[in-house]
C-alpha atoms as a PDB file:
ATOM      1  CA  MET A   1     -53.428  14.896  26.261  1.00  0.00           C
ATOM      2  CA  ILE A   2     -52.978  13.535  22.729  1.00  0.00           C
ATOM      3  CA  PHE A   3     -50.994  15.598  20.422  1.00  0.00           C
ATOM      4  CA  ARG A   4     -51.236  14.795  16.695  1.00  0.00           C
ATOM      5  CA  THR A   5     -48.175  13.599  14.730  1.00  0.00           C
ATOM      6  CA  ARG A   6     -46.383  15.424  11.968  1.00  0.00           C
ATOM      7  CA  GLU A   7     -48.064  12.773   9.700  1.00  0.00           C
ATOM      8  CA  SER A   8     -51.649  13.466  10.862  1.00  0.00           C
ATOM      9  CA  TRP A   9     -51.311  17.429   9.847  1.00  0.00           C
ATOM     10  CA  GLY A  10     -51.708  16.877   6.328  1.00  0.00           C
ATOM     11  CA  THR A  11     -55.381  15.450   6.982  1.00  0.00           C
ATOM     12  CA  MET A  12     -56.414  18.681   9.021  1.00  0.00           C
ATOM     13  CA  ALA A  13     -57.791  22.049   7.694  1.00  0.00           C
ATOM     14  CA  ILE A  14     -54.705  24.726   8.648  1.00  0.00           C
ATOM     15  CA  PRO A  15     -56.539  27.440   9.784  1.00  0.00           C
ATOM     16  CA  LYS A  16     -56.555  30.433   7.112  1.00  0.00           C
ATOM     17  CA  GLU A  17     -56.213  34.448   7.791  1.00  0.00           C
ATOM     18  CA  GLY A  18     -59.384  35.685   9.560  1.00  0.00           C
ATOM     19  CA  GLU A  19     -60.403  32.418  10.965  1.00  0.00           C
ATOM     20  CA  PHE A  20     -60.164  31.863  14.827  1.00  0.00           C
ATOM     21  CA  VAL A  21     -58.337  29.184  17.047  1.00  0.00           C
ATOM     22  CA  THR A  22     -58.171  28.003  20.443  1.00  0.00           C
ATOM     23  CA  ILE A  23     -55.203  27.885  22.074  1.00  0.00           C
ATOM     24  CA  GLN A  24     -54.320  25.305  24.879  1.00  0.00           C
ATOM     25  CA  SER A  25     -51.397  25.245  26.931  1.00  0.00           C
ATOM     26  CA  TYR A  26     -50.281  22.186  29.235  1.00  0.00           C
ATOM     27  CA  LYS A  27     -47.807  21.571  31.773  1.00  0.00           C
ATOM     28  CA  HIS A  28     -45.274  18.637  31.298  1.00  0.00           C
ATOM     29  CA  ASP A  29     -47.112  16.224  33.173  1.00  0.00           C
ATOM     30  CA  GLY A  30     -50.388  16.430  30.552  1.00  0.00           C
ATOM     31  CA  HIS A  31     -52.800  18.673  32.641  1.00  0.00           C
ATOM     32  CA  LEU A  32     -54.210  21.562  30.864  1.00  0.00           C
ATOM     33  CA  HIS A  33     -52.923  24.628  32.154  1.00  0.00           C
ATOM     34  CA  ARG A  34     -54.711  27.793  30.243  1.00  0.00           C
ATOM     35  CA  THR A  35     -56.918  28.001  27.515  1.00  0.00           C
ATOM     36  CA  TRP A  36     -57.264  31.138  25.012  1.00  0.00           C
ATOM     37  CA  ARG A  37     -60.512  31.129  23.108  1.00  0.00           C
ATOM     38  CA  ASP A  38     -60.971  32.712  19.492  1.00  0.00           C
ATOM     39  CA  THR A  39     -57.488  33.886  18.598  1.00  0.00           C
ATOM     40  CA  MET A  40     -57.707  35.251  15.426  1.00  0.00           C
ATOM     41  CA  VAL A  41     -55.429  33.957  12.872  1.00  0.00           C
ATOM     42  CA  LEU A  42     -53.264  36.551  10.815  1.00  0.00           C
ATOM     43  CA  LYS A  43     -50.806  34.156   9.144  1.00  0.00           C
ATOM     44  CA  THR A  44     -49.660  30.507   8.849  1.00  0.00           C
ATOM     45  CA  SER A  45     -46.783  28.978   7.271  1.00  0.00           C
ATOM     46  CA  GLU A  46     -45.049  25.590   7.167  1.00  0.00           C
ATOM     47  CA  TYR A  47     -43.299  26.411  10.490  1.00  0.00           C
ATOM     48  CA  SER A  48     -45.386  29.438  12.332  1.00  0.00           C
ATOM     49  CA  LEU A  49     -48.589  30.925  13.265  1.00  0.00           C
ATOM     50  CA  ILE A  50     -49.370  34.525  13.918  1.00  0.00           C
ATOM     51  CA  GLY A  51     -52.560  35.482  15.609  1.00  0.00           C
ATOM     52  CA  VAL A  52     -54.026  38.197  17.765  1.00  0.00           C
ATOM     53  CA  ASN A  53     -56.092  38.148  20.921  1.00  0.00           C
ATOM     54  CA  ASP A  54     -58.228  41.205  21.750  1.00  0.00           C
ATOM     55  CA  HIS A  55     -60.735  40.928  24.541  1.00  0.00           C
ATOM     56  CA  THR A  56     -60.130  37.001  24.283  1.00  0.00           C
ATOM     57  CA  LEU A  57     -61.588  34.826  26.938  1.00  0.00           C
ATOM     58  CA  VAL A  58     -58.869  32.884  29.050  1.00  0.00           C
ATOM     59  CA  THR A  59     -59.787  29.876  31.194  1.00  0.00           C
ATOM     60  CA  GLU A  60     -57.275  28.871  33.848  1.00  0.00           C
ATOM     61  CA  SER A  61     -57.073  25.261  35.242  1.00  0.00           C
ATOM     62  CA  ASP A  62     -58.749  25.926  38.002  1.00  0.00           C
ATOM     63  CA  GLY A  63     -61.925  27.181  36.189  1.00  0.00           C
ATOM     64  CA  ARG A  64     -61.220  31.020  36.748  1.00  0.00           C
ATOM     65  CA  ARG A  65     -61.957  33.295  33.762  1.00  0.00           C
ATOM     66  CA  TRP A  66     -60.805  36.507  32.751  1.00  0.00           C
ATOM     67  CA  VAL A  67     -60.633  38.560  29.407  1.00  0.00           C
ATOM     68  CA  THR A  68     -57.584  39.948  27.973  1.00  0.00           C
ATOM     69  CA  ARG A  69     -57.108  43.643  28.133  1.00  0.00           C
ATOM     70  CA  GLU A  70     -55.487  44.748  24.919  1.00  0.00           C
ATOM     71  CA  PRO A  71     -54.789  43.575  21.748  1.00  0.00           C
ATOM     72  CA  ALA A  72     -51.771  41.223  21.522  1.00  0.00           C
ATOM     73  CA  ILE A  73     -50.054  39.810  18.593  1.00  0.00           C
ATOM     74  CA  VAL A  74     -49.076  36.049  19.166  1.00  0.00           C
ATOM     75  CA  TYR A  75     -46.218  34.301  17.476  1.00  0.00           C
ATOM     76  CA  PHE A  76     -45.662  30.237  17.753  1.00  0.00           C
ATOM     77  CA  HIS A  77     -43.163  28.155  16.058  1.00  0.00           C
ATOM     78  CA  LYS A  78     -42.800  24.710  15.289  1.00  0.00           C
ATOM     79  CA  LYS A  79     -38.925  24.526  15.874  1.00  0.00           C
ATOM     80  CA  TYR A  80     -38.406  26.948  18.556  1.00  0.00           C
ATOM     81  CA  TRP A  81     -38.892  26.109  22.141  1.00  0.00           C
ATOM     82  CA  PHE A  82     -40.531  29.676  22.975  1.00  0.00           C
ATOM     83  CA  ASN A  83     -43.716  31.576  21.895  1.00  0.00           C
ATOM     84  CA  ILE A  84     -43.964  35.243  22.073  1.00  0.00           C
ATOM     85  CA  ILE A  85     -46.888  37.787  23.005  1.00  0.00           C
ATOM     86  CA  ALA A  86     -46.642  41.442  21.907  1.00  0.00           C
ATOM     87  CA  MET A  87     -48.795  43.048  23.739  1.00  0.00           C
ATOM     88  CA  ILE A  88     -50.058  46.510  22.361  1.00  0.00           C
ATOM     89  CA  ARG A  89     -50.732  49.000  25.232  1.00  0.00           C
ATOM     90  CA  GLU A  90     -50.751  52.859  25.542  1.00  0.00           C
ATOM     91  CA  LYS A  91     -46.906  53.275  26.958  1.00  0.00           C
ATOM     92  CA  GLY A  92     -45.927  51.130  24.036  1.00  0.00           C
ATOM     93  CA  VAL A  93     -45.368  47.381  23.301  1.00  0.00           C
ATOM     94  CA  SER A  94     -44.495  44.959  26.220  1.00  0.00           C
ATOM     95  CA  TYR A  95     -43.496  41.340  25.674  1.00  0.00           C
ATOM     96  CA  TYR A  96     -44.244  38.234  27.411  1.00  0.00           C
ATOM     97  CA  CYS A  97     -42.282  35.249  26.280  1.00  0.00           C
ATOM     98  CA  ASN A  98     -42.892  31.805  27.169  1.00  0.00           C
ATOM     99  CA  LEU A  99     -40.415  28.963  27.187  1.00  0.00           C
ATOM    100  CA  ALA A 100     -42.555  25.966  25.922  1.00  0.00           C
ATOM    101  CA  SER A 101     -42.497  23.098  23.523  1.00  0.00           C
ATOM    102  CA  PRO A 102     -42.865  24.043  19.795  1.00  0.00           C
ATOM    103  CA  TYR A 103     -46.745  24.199  18.845  1.00  0.00           C
ATOM    104  CA  LEU A 104     -48.661  21.290  17.311  1.00  0.00           C
ATOM    105  CA  LEU A 105     -52.178  22.000  15.972  1.00  0.00           C
ATOM    106  CA  ASP A 106     -54.816  19.405  15.869  1.00  0.00           C
ATOM    107  CA  ASP A 107     -58.882  19.734  15.133  1.00  0.00           C
ATOM    108  CA  GLU A 108     -59.153  20.945  18.920  1.00  0.00           C
ATOM    109  CA  ALA A 109     -56.722  23.821  19.208  1.00  0.00           C
ATOM    110  CA  LEU A 110     -52.966  24.935  18.938  1.00  0.00           C
ATOM    111  CA  LYS A 111     -51.252  23.310  21.452  1.00  0.00           C
ATOM    112  CA  TYR A 112     -48.167  23.673  23.246  1.00  0.00           C
ATOM    113  CA  ILE A 113     -46.283  22.547  26.617  1.00  0.00           C
ATOM    114  CA  ASP A 114     -45.426  25.658  29.040  1.00  0.00           C
ATOM    115  CA  TYR A 115     -42.433  25.120  30.941  1.00  0.00           C
ATOM    116  CA  ASP A 116     -42.731  27.941  33.558  1.00  0.00           C
ATOM    117  CA  LEU A 117     -39.664  30.136  32.662  1.00  0.00           C
ATOM    118  CA  ASP A 118     -40.953  33.560  31.128  1.00  0.00           C
ATOM    119  CA  ILE A 119     -39.037  36.540  29.680  1.00  0.00           C
ATOM    120  CA  LYS A 120     -40.892  39.926  30.142  1.00  0.00           C
ATOM    121  CA  VAL A 121     -39.642  42.931  27.944  1.00  0.00           C
ATOM    122  CA  PHE A 122     -40.921  46.116  28.885  1.00  0.00           C
ATOM    123  CA  PRO A 123     -41.470  49.197  26.220  1.00  0.00           C
ATOM    124  CA  ASP A 124     -38.235  50.648  27.388  1.00  0.00           C
ATOM    125  CA  GLY A 125     -36.175  47.506  26.642  1.00  0.00           C
ATOM    126  CA  GLU A 126     -35.816  46.201  30.140  1.00  0.00           C
ATOM    127  CA  LYS A 127     -35.677  42.397  30.100  1.00  0.00           C
ATOM    128  CA  ARG A 128     -36.580  40.209  33.266  1.00  0.00           C
ATOM    129  CA  LEU A 129     -36.267  36.531  33.570  1.00  0.00           C
ATOM    130  CA  LEU A 130     -39.346  35.284  35.631  1.00  0.00           C
ATOM    131  CA  ASP A 131     -40.400  32.206  37.522  1.00  0.00           C
ATOM    132  CA  VAL A 132     -36.993  30.317  38.080  1.00  0.00           C
ATOM    133  CA  ASP A 133     -38.205  29.415  41.030  1.00  0.00           C
ATOM    134  CA  GLU A 134     -41.455  27.752  39.472  1.00  0.00           C
ATOM    135  CA  TYR A 135     -39.437  26.206  36.974  1.00  0.00           C
ATOM    136  CA  GLU A 136     -37.019  24.630  39.344  1.00  0.00           C
ATOM    137  CA  PHE A 137     -39.920  23.437  41.596  1.00  0.00           C
ATOM    138  CA  HIS A 138     -41.907  21.917  38.462  1.00  0.00           C
ATOM    139  CA  SER A 139     -38.556  20.237  37.241  1.00  0.00           C
ATOM    140  CA  LYS A 140     -38.435  18.401  40.212  1.00  0.00           C
ATOM    141  CA  ILE A 141     -41.813  17.199  40.864  1.00  0.00           C
ATOM    142  CA  MET A 142     -42.607  16.721  37.113  1.00  0.00           C
ATOM    143  CA  ASP A 143     -39.155  15.155  36.579  1.00  0.00           C
ATOM    144  CA  TYR A 144     -37.979  17.197  33.622  1.00  0.00           C
ATOM    145  CA  PRO A 145     -35.347  15.510  31.623  1.00  0.00           C
ATOM    146  CA  GLU A 146     -32.154  16.637  31.352  1.00  0.00           C
ATOM    147  CA  ASP A 147     -32.185  17.335  27.538  1.00  0.00           C
ATOM    148  CA  ILE A 148     -35.442  19.129  27.822  1.00  0.00           C
ATOM    149  CA  ASP A 149     -33.559  21.573  30.619  1.00  0.00           C
ATOM    150  CA  PHE A 150     -30.696  21.745  28.120  1.00  0.00           C
ATOM    151  CA  ILE A 151     -33.056  22.573  25.104  1.00  0.00           C
ATOM    152  CA  LEU A 152     -34.999  25.343  27.085  1.00  0.00           C
ATOM    153  CA  LYS A 153     -31.340  27.084  28.326  1.00  0.00           C
ATOM    154  CA  GLU A 154     -30.008  27.143  24.784  1.00  0.00           C
ATOM    155  CA  ASN A 155     -33.656  28.723  23.683  1.00  0.00           C
ATOM    156  CA  VAL A 156     -33.490  31.305  26.503  1.00  0.00           C
ATOM    157  CA  LYS A 157     -30.160  32.393  24.665  1.00  0.00           C
ATOM    158  CA  THR A 158     -32.051  32.366  21.129  1.00  0.00           C
ATOM    159  CA  LEU A 159     -34.619  34.709  22.851  1.00  0.00           C
ATOM    160  CA  VAL A 160     -32.490  36.940  24.330  1.00  0.00           C
ATOM    161  CA  ASP A 161     -30.406  37.258  20.753  1.00  0.00           C
ATOM    162  CA  TRP A 162     -33.716  38.010  19.076  1.00  0.00           C
ATOM    163  CA  ILE A 163     -34.733  40.897  21.879  1.00  0.00           C
ATOM    164  CA  ASN A 164     -31.291  42.161  21.783  1.00  0.00           C
ATOM    165  CA  ASN A 165     -31.146  42.656  17.990  1.00  0.00           C
ATOM    166  CA  GLU A 166     -34.914  43.240  17.406  1.00  0.00           C
ATOM    167  CA  LYS A 167     -35.607  40.084  15.266  1.00  0.00           C
ATOM    168  CA  GLY A 168     -39.003  38.930  14.179  1.00  0.00           C
ATOM    169  CA  PRO A 169     -41.712  39.905  16.629  1.00  0.00           C
ATOM    170  CA  PHE A 170     -39.323  42.163  18.383  1.00  0.00           C
ATOM    171  CA  SER A 171     -39.236  44.649  15.417  1.00  0.00           C
ATOM    172  CA  GLU A 172     -41.166  47.714  15.650  1.00  0.00           C
ATOM    173  CA  ALA A 173     -42.135  46.846  11.885  1.00  0.00           C
ATOM    174  CA  TYR A 174     -43.567  43.421  12.557  1.00  0.00           C
ATOM    175  CA  VAL A 175     -46.041  44.780  15.586  1.00  0.00           C
ATOM    176  CA  ASP A 176     -46.980  47.568  13.039  1.00  0.00           C
ATOM    177  CA  ILE A 177     -47.655  45.519  10.323  1.00  0.00           C
ATOM    178  CA  TRP A 178     -49.361  42.649  12.086  1.00  0.00           C
ATOM    179  CA  TYR A 179     -51.809  44.842  14.143  1.00  0.00           C
ATOM    180  CA  LYS A 180     -52.584  46.754  10.955  1.00  0.00           C
ATOM    181  CA  ARG A 181     -53.476  43.379   9.101  1.00  0.00           C
ATOM    182  CA  TYR A 182     -55.938  42.477  12.250  1.00  0.00           C
ATOM    183  CA  GLN A 183     -57.592  45.858  12.079  1.00  0.00           C
ATOM    184  CA  GLU A 184     -58.274  45.459   8.502  1.00  0.00           C
ATOM    185  CA  LEU A 185     -59.552  41.924   9.055  1.00  0.00           C
ATOM    186  CA  SER A 186     -62.058  43.097  11.767  1.00  0.00           C
ATOM    187  CA  LYS A 187     -63.300  45.727   9.365  1.00  0.00           C
ATOM    188  CA  LYS A 188     -64.520  42.909   6.893  1.00  0.00           C
END
């Protein structure tokens, strides 16, 4: 797996609103984990990308394929060690938060390393930390460095603070604004 350096970002075309990107998640050892095809870009800034998946084709590392069931607003950041998926469902918004490296963008895809730990937030506000056993297992077999472990645990704290205080993607207004923008762009 080759990630581009910060210096090479300037030579790439940053995706514009309404364009589509592929998202690729990798594991710490460099193996491709999962790919989402055709994520619509809603906004890019110096540090973040907001997009939407709606009935998006997902391919697993073992070749298995499936399609997302509902619209989901995705949030990626170049400084935070997590990404956030706000799934818009009939019973309310559910969130799936991946503890992961900050994203990089190259000519091929938006890329990040998935570090197993996840936080799921249900429409009623219940939070669950998921995949702790998977994280412990992979940290041993892939030899996660101590500094990565520390960074991830600190970012769990940041993420929980955002959830508890309805910051950023966890605010109702955020989901409404970006879902409305997606609907407008889809009509063009």
